[in-house]
C-alpha atoms as a PDB file:
ATOM      1  CA  MET A   1      17.332  29.466 -70.314  1.00  0.00           C
ATOM      2  CA  SER A   2      19.053  26.378 -69.152  1.00  0.00           C
ATOM      3  CA  VAL A   3      18.313  24.374 -66.046  1.00  0.00           C
ATOM      4  CA  MET A   4      21.597  25.481 -64.495  1.00  0.00           C
ATOM      5  CA  SER A   5      20.835  29.118 -64.841  1.00  0.00           C
ATOM      6  CA  VAL A   6      17.415  28.663 -63.158  1.00  0.00           C
ATOM      7  CA  LEU A   7      18.995  26.895 -60.209  1.00  0.00           C
ATOM      8  CA  ASN A   8      21.625  29.570 -59.727  1.00  0.00           C
ATOM      9  CA  GLN A   9      19.119  32.429 -59.638  1.00  0.00           C
ATOM     10  CA  PRO A  10      18.539  33.978 -56.216  1.00  0.00           C
ATOM     11  CA  ALA A  11      15.212  33.030 -54.618  1.00  0.00           C
ATOM     12  CA  SER A  12      12.574  35.698 -54.415  1.00  0.00           C
ATOM     13  CA  PRO A  13      11.738  37.057 -50.910  1.00  0.00           C
ATOM     14  CA  GLU A  14       8.351  35.276 -51.079  1.00  0.00           C
ATOM     15  CA  GLU A  15       9.962  31.883 -51.795  1.00  0.00           C
ATOM     16  CA  ARG A  16      12.516  32.442 -49.036  1.00  0.00           C
ATOM     17  CA  ARG A  17       9.742  33.182 -46.453  1.00  0.00           C
ATOM     18  CA  ARG A  18       7.845  30.099 -47.570  1.00  0.00           C
ATOM     19  CA  MET A  19      10.985  27.949 -47.195  1.00  0.00           C
ATOM     20  CA  ILE A  20      11.679  29.357 -43.691  1.00  0.00           C
ATOM     21  CA  ARG A  21       8.046  28.799 -42.682  1.00  0.00           C
ATOM     22  CA  ARG A  22       8.152  25.218 -43.999  1.00  0.00           C
ATOM     23  CA  ARG A  23      11.379  24.475 -42.099  1.00  0.00           C
ATOM     24  CA  ALA A  24       9.961  25.978 -38.895  1.00  0.00           C
ATOM     25  CA  LEU A  25       6.800  23.889 -39.293  1.00  0.00           C
ATOM     26  CA  THR A  26       8.935  20.787 -39.863  1.00  0.00           C
ATOM     27  CA  ALA A  27      10.944  21.544 -36.688  1.00  0.00           C
ATOM     28  CA  VAL A  28       7.748  21.981 -34.639  1.00  0.00           C
ATOM     29  CA  VAL A  29       6.342  18.685 -35.962  1.00  0.00           C
ATOM     30  CA  ILE A  30       9.578  16.870 -35.117  1.00  0.00           C
ATOM     31  CA  VAL A  31       9.536  18.265 -31.556  1.00  0.00           C
ATOM     32  CA  LEU A  32       5.909  17.240 -31.128  1.00  0.00           C
ATOM     33  CA  LEU A  33       6.381  13.759 -32.577  1.00  0.00           C
ATOM     34  CA  ILE A  34       9.664  12.943 -30.864  1.00  0.00           C
ATOM     35  CA  GLY A  35      10.253  15.353 -27.990  1.00  0.00           C
ATOM     36  CA  ILE A  36       6.944  14.989 -26.149  1.00  0.00           C
ATOM     37  CA  PRO A  37       6.897  11.146 -26.131  1.00  0.00           C
ATOM     38  CA  ALA A  38      10.561  11.124 -25.092  1.00  0.00           C
ATOM     39  CA  GLY A  39       9.807  13.512 -22.221  1.00  0.00           C
ATOM     40  CA  TYR A  40       6.854  11.361 -21.183  1.00  0.00           C
ATOM     41  CA  LEU A  41       9.059   8.251 -21.156  1.00  0.00           C
ATOM     42  CA  VAL A  42      11.651   9.970 -18.953  1.00  0.00           C
ATOM     43  CA  ILE A  43       8.996  11.107 -16.445  1.00  0.00           C
ATOM     44  CA  SER A  44       7.320   7.685 -16.474  1.00  0.00           C
ATOM     45  CA  ALA A  45      10.647   5.926 -15.881  1.00  0.00           C
ATOM     46  CA  GLN A  46      11.413   8.182 -12.903  1.00  0.00           C
ATOM     47  CA  GLN A  47       7.981   7.531 -11.364  1.00  0.00           C
ATOM     48  CA  SER A  48       8.343   3.791 -11.895  1.00  0.00           C
ATOM     49  CA  ARG A  49      11.789   3.803 -10.310  1.00  0.00           C
ATOM     50  CA  ALA A  50      10.495   5.761  -7.284  1.00  0.00           C
ATOM     51  CA  SER A  51       7.574   3.341  -6.907  1.00  0.00           C
ATOM     52  CA  GLY A  52       9.944   0.379  -7.031  1.00  0.00           C
ATOM     53  CA  ARG A  53      12.138   1.935  -4.353  1.00  0.00           C
ATOM     54  CA  ASP A  54       9.096   2.490  -2.107  1.00  0.00           C
ATOM     55  CA  LYS A  55       8.001  -1.128  -2.524  1.00  0.00           C
ATOM     56  CA  GLU A  56      11.535  -2.368  -1.955  1.00  0.00           C
ATOM     57  CA  ALA A  57      11.816  -0.315   1.233  1.00  0.00           C
ATOM     58  CA  GLU A  58       8.489  -1.667   2.498  1.00  0.00           C
ATOM     59  CA  SER A  59       9.342  -5.284   1.706  1.00  0.00           C
ATOM     60  CA  SER A  60      12.782  -5.046   3.307  1.00  0.00           C
ATOM     61  CA  VAL A  61      11.325  -3.937   6.636  1.00  0.00           C
ATOM     62  CA  THR A  62      11.505  -6.586   9.306  1.00  0.00           C
ATOM     63  CA  GLY A  63       9.120  -6.278  12.190  1.00  0.00           C
ATOM     64  CA  LEU A  64       6.304  -3.845  12.741  1.00  0.00           C
ATOM     65  CA  ARG A  65       6.051  -0.482  10.982  1.00  0.00           C
ATOM     66  CA  ASP A  66       4.752   2.359  13.139  1.00  0.00           C
ATOM     67  CA  SER A  67       1.977   3.490  10.817  1.00  0.00           C
ATOM     68  CA  TRP A  68      -1.449   2.525   9.564  1.00  0.00           C
ATOM     69  CA  PRO A  69      -1.681  -0.151   6.886  1.00  0.00           C
ATOM     70  CA  SER A  70      -3.126   1.153   3.635  1.00  0.00           C
ATOM     71  CA  LYS A  71      -6.900   1.107   3.191  1.00  0.00           C
ATOM     72  CA  MET A  72      -6.451  -1.563   0.543  1.00  0.00           C
ATOM     73  CA  LYS A  73      -4.541  -3.848   2.955  1.00  0.00           C
ATOM     74  CA  ARG A  74      -7.138  -3.279   5.665  1.00  0.00           C
ATOM     75  CA  ARG A  75      -9.882  -4.152   3.181  1.00  0.00           C
ATOM     76  CA  VAL A  76      -8.150  -7.247   1.730  1.00  0.00           C
ATOM     77  CA  PHE A  77      -7.254  -8.640   5.160  1.00  0.00           C
ATOM     78  CA  GLU A  78     -10.529  -7.390   6.701  1.00  0.00           C
ATOM     79  CA  VAL A  79      -8.917  -5.550   9.609  1.00  0.00           C
ATOM     80  CA  PRO A  80     -11.116  -2.476  10.267  1.00  0.00           C
ATOM     81  CA  ILE A  81      -9.014  -0.370  12.635  1.00  0.00           C
ATOM     82  CA  PRO A  82     -11.361   1.981  14.531  1.00  0.00           C
ATOM     83  CA  ALA A  83     -11.019   5.724  13.991  1.00  0.00           C
ATOM     84  CA  GLY A  84      -9.138   7.392  16.816  1.00  0.00           C
ATOM     85  CA  SER A  85      -6.922   4.369  17.470  1.00  0.00           C
ATOM     86  CA  THR A  86      -3.377   5.133  18.583  1.00  0.00           C
ATOM     87  CA  GLU A  87      -0.022   3.354  18.562  1.00  0.00           C
ATOM     88  CA  VAL A  88      -0.972   1.615  15.314  1.00  0.00           C
ATOM     89  CA  ALA A  89       1.656  -0.657  13.771  1.00  0.00           C
ATOM     90  CA  TYR A  90       1.568  -3.359  11.123  1.00  0.00           C
ATOM     91  CA  PHE A  91       3.652  -5.887   9.218  1.00  0.00           C
ATOM     92  CA  GLU A  92       2.799  -7.977   6.173  1.00  0.00           C
ATOM     93  CA  THR A  93       4.258 -11.272   5.031  1.00  0.00           C
ATOM     94  CA  SER A  94       3.437 -13.008   1.806  1.00  0.00           C
ATOM     95  CA  ASN A  95       4.426 -16.147  -0.024  1.00  0.00           C
ATOM     96  CA  TRP A  96       2.855 -18.408  -2.640  1.00  0.00           C
ATOM     97  CA  LYS A  97       0.739 -20.230  -0.050  1.00  0.00           C
ATOM     98  CA  THR A  98      -0.452 -17.637   2.477  1.00  0.00           C
ATOM     99  CA  SER A  99      -0.359 -13.936   3.215  1.00  0.00           C
ATOM    100  CA  ARG A 100      -0.536 -12.490   6.718  1.00  0.00           C
ATOM    101  CA  LEU A 101      -1.171  -9.019   8.042  1.00  0.00           C
ATOM    102  CA  TYR A 102      -0.060  -8.380  11.625  1.00  0.00           C
ATOM    103  CA  VAL A 103      -1.688  -5.331  13.210  1.00  0.00           C
ATOM    104  CA  GLU A 104      -1.627  -3.843  16.692  1.00  0.00           C
ATOM    105  CA  PHE A 105      -3.388  -0.769  18.013  1.00  0.00           C
ATOM    106  CA  THR A 106      -4.761   0.840  21.161  1.00  0.00           C
ATOM    107  CA  THR A 107      -8.375   1.951  21.134  1.00  0.00           C
ATOM    108  CA  SER A 108     -11.173   2.842  23.532  1.00  0.00           C
ATOM    109  CA  GLY A 109     -13.744   0.459  25.007  1.00  0.00           C
ATOM    110  CA  THR A 110     -16.251   1.642  22.403  1.00  0.00           C
ATOM    111  CA  GLY A 111     -13.612   1.342  19.678  1.00  0.00           C
ATOM    112  CA  LEU A 112     -13.010  -2.284  20.691  1.00  0.00           C
ATOM    113  CA  ASP A 113     -16.731  -3.028  20.514  1.00  0.00           C
ATOM    114  CA  ASP A 114     -16.935  -1.353  17.088  1.00  0.00           C
ATOM    115  CA  PHE A 115     -13.887  -3.301  15.864  1.00  0.00           C
ATOM    116  CA  LEU A 116     -15.280  -6.646  17.037  1.00  0.00           C
ATOM    117  CA  ASP A 117     -18.681  -5.840  15.518  1.00  0.00           C
ATOM    118  CA  ASP A 118     -17.079  -4.881  12.176  1.00  0.00           C
ATOM    119  CA  VAL A 119     -15.088  -8.111  12.218  1.00  0.00           C
ATOM    120  CA  GLY A 120     -18.282 -10.103  12.764  1.00  0.00           C
ATOM    121  CA  THR A 121     -17.889 -11.065  16.415  1.00  0.00           C
ATOM    122  CA  SER A 122     -18.360  -9.501  19.867  1.00  0.00           C
ATOM    123  CA  ARG A 123     -16.869  -9.325  23.359  1.00  0.00           C
ATOM    124  CA  ALA A 124     -18.953 -12.358  24.273  1.00  0.00           C
ATOM    125  CA  ALA A 125     -16.803 -14.427  21.873  1.00  0.00           C
ATOM    126  CA  LEU A 126     -13.580 -13.408  23.656  1.00  0.00           C
ATOM    127  CA  ASP A 127     -12.228 -16.216  25.842  1.00  0.00           C
ATOM    128  CA  ALA A 128     -10.818 -14.826  29.075  1.00  0.00           C
ATOM    129  CA  ALA A 129      -7.193 -15.657  29.937  1.00  0.00           C
ATOM    130  CA  ASP A 130      -6.604 -16.875  26.372  1.00  0.00           C
ATOM    131  CA  VAL A 131      -4.147 -15.892  23.643  1.00  0.00           C
ATOM    132  CA  THR A 132      -5.003 -17.139  20.142  1.00  0.00           C
ATOM    133  CA  ILE A 133      -1.896 -15.808  18.387  1.00  0.00           C
ATOM    134  CA  GLY A 134       0.616 -18.632  18.065  1.00  0.00           C
ATOM    135  CA  GLU A 135       4.263 -18.469  19.112  1.00  0.00           C
ATOM    136  CA  ARG A 136       5.506 -18.479  15.508  1.00  0.00           C
ATOM    137  CA  ASP A 137       3.346 -15.468  14.576  1.00  0.00           C
ATOM    138  CA  ALA A 138       4.254 -13.650  17.797  1.00  0.00           C
ATOM    139  CA  ARG A 139       7.970 -14.244  17.141  1.00  0.00           C
ATOM    140  CA  THR A 140       7.641 -12.902  13.582  1.00  0.00           C
ATOM    141  CA  VAL A 141       6.831  -9.410  14.873  1.00  0.00           C
ATOM    142  CA  GLY A 142       8.308  -9.552  18.374  1.00  0.00           C
ATOM    143  CA  TRP A 143       5.073  -9.766  20.340  1.00  0.00           C
ATOM    144  CA  THR A 144       5.062 -11.219  23.843  1.00  0.00           C
ATOM    145  CA  PHE A 145       1.990 -12.088  25.848  1.00  0.00           C
ATOM    146  CA  PRO A 146       3.294 -12.318  29.421  1.00  0.00           C
ATOM    147  CA  PRO A 147       1.242 -13.705  32.284  1.00  0.00           C
ATOM    148  CA  GLY A 148      -0.237 -11.252  34.755  1.00  0.00           C
ATOM    149  CA  ARG A 149      -2.102  -9.260  32.086  1.00  0.00           C
ATOM    150  CA  ASP A 150      -5.836  -9.458  31.424  1.00  0.00           C
ATOM    151  CA  TRP A 151      -5.765 -11.301  28.073  1.00  0.00           C
ATOM    152  CA  SER A 152      -8.861 -12.271  26.102  1.00  0.00           C
ATOM    153  CA  ALA A 153      -8.930 -13.743  22.618  1.00  0.00           C
ATOM    154  CA  THR A 154     -10.885 -15.292  19.797  1.00  0.00           C
ATOM    155  CA  THR A 155     -10.325 -16.693  16.331  1.00  0.00           C
ATOM    156  CA  HIS A 156     -12.751 -15.583  13.658  1.00  0.00           C
ATOM    157  CA  ARG A 157     -12.767 -18.168  10.853  1.00  0.00           C
ATOM    158  CA  GLN A 158     -14.328 -17.597   7.457  1.00  0.00           C
ATOM    159  CA  LYS A 159     -14.660 -19.589   4.237  1.00  0.00           C
ATOM    160  CA  ASP A 160     -11.739 -19.253   1.828  1.00  0.00           C
ATOM    161  CA  PRO A 161     -10.686 -16.989   0.239  1.00  0.00           C
ATOM    162  CA  ARG A 162     -11.759 -14.654   3.073  1.00  0.00           C
ATOM    163  CA  PRO A 163      -9.153 -14.298   5.823  1.00  0.00           C
ATOM    164  CA  THR A 164      -9.097 -15.952   9.218  1.00  0.00           C
ATOM    165  CA  ARG A 165      -8.308 -13.527  12.046  1.00  0.00           C
ATOM    166  CA  ASP A 166      -6.657 -14.398  15.343  1.00  0.00           C
ATOM    167  CA  ILE A 167      -7.522 -11.583  17.744  1.00  0.00           C
ATOM    168  CA  THR A 168      -5.935 -11.124  21.159  1.00  0.00           C
ATOM    169  CA  VAL A 169      -6.847  -8.184  23.393  1.00  0.00           C
ATOM    170  CA  ASP A 170      -5.041  -6.844  26.467  1.00  0.00           C
ATOM    171  CA  LEU A 171      -7.891  -5.629  28.701  1.00  0.00           C
ATOM    172  CA  THR A 172      -5.635  -4.722  31.643  1.00  0.00           C
ATOM    173  CA  ASP A 173      -6.723  -1.100  31.110  1.00  0.00           C
ATOM    174  CA  PRO A 174     -10.395  -1.453  30.036  1.00  0.00           C
ATOM    175  CA  ALA A 175     -10.515   2.220  28.971  1.00  0.00           C
ATOM    176  CA  ALA A 176      -7.604   1.668  26.531  1.00  0.00           C
ATOM    177  CA  PRO A 177      -7.522  -1.961  25.349  1.00  0.00           C
ATOM    178  CA  ARG A 178      -4.538  -3.018  23.221  1.00  0.00           C
ATOM    179  CA  VAL A 179      -5.580  -5.163  20.236  1.00  0.00           C
ATOM    180  CA  TYR A 180      -3.332  -7.648  18.403  1.00  0.00           C
ATOM    181  CA  VAL A 181      -4.560  -9.180  15.133  1.00  0.00           C
ATOM    182  CA  VAL A 182      -3.078 -11.721  12.751  1.00  0.00           C
ATOM    183  CA  SER A 183      -5.166 -11.918   9.586  1.00  0.00           C
ATOM    184  CA  THR A 184      -4.290 -14.893   7.379  1.00  0.00           C
ATOM    185  CA  ALA A 185      -5.460 -15.075   3.780  1.00  0.00           C
ATOM    186  CA  THR A 186      -4.968 -18.052   1.492  1.00  0.00           C
ATOM    187  CA  PRO A 187      -5.430 -17.121  -2.153  1.00  0.00           C
END
């Protein structure tokens, strides 16, 4: 029997099943080794793109955003907004030298006391008829502090790298004080 005659013989049913099984196993292995990582890369790329769009949208905002800053921002800039506060808005600026978080909110009298206590100060530290937020910072977010309102303010300074907070409070309605904060961090 020559080699050619062996090669031209039809395969037995057992050999054919084994060959089909081997090819199916090879196809499954290829899908697992190539298909799953490729699918993961596609999903990861879409998530990364969506995250980039969110960050781009946030950084392109000019002026205050009508929402609460993230817990991380509140923690980094040490701005503990009291629970139950309303009309919360914020804006963040950042460059190589300093980062600032501008926050405004309306709270209750107790909420103001809690906020000042959490910041490390009290109502006694508020200077009546004073505004500690400078014109440049006020212009950045469109704040105005007109005369005829019951303004009180303080600046809470801390050692670097902890932020310094300029706090101005409108106490015209003592039951619902409006708080303005500029927290400046220098890395």
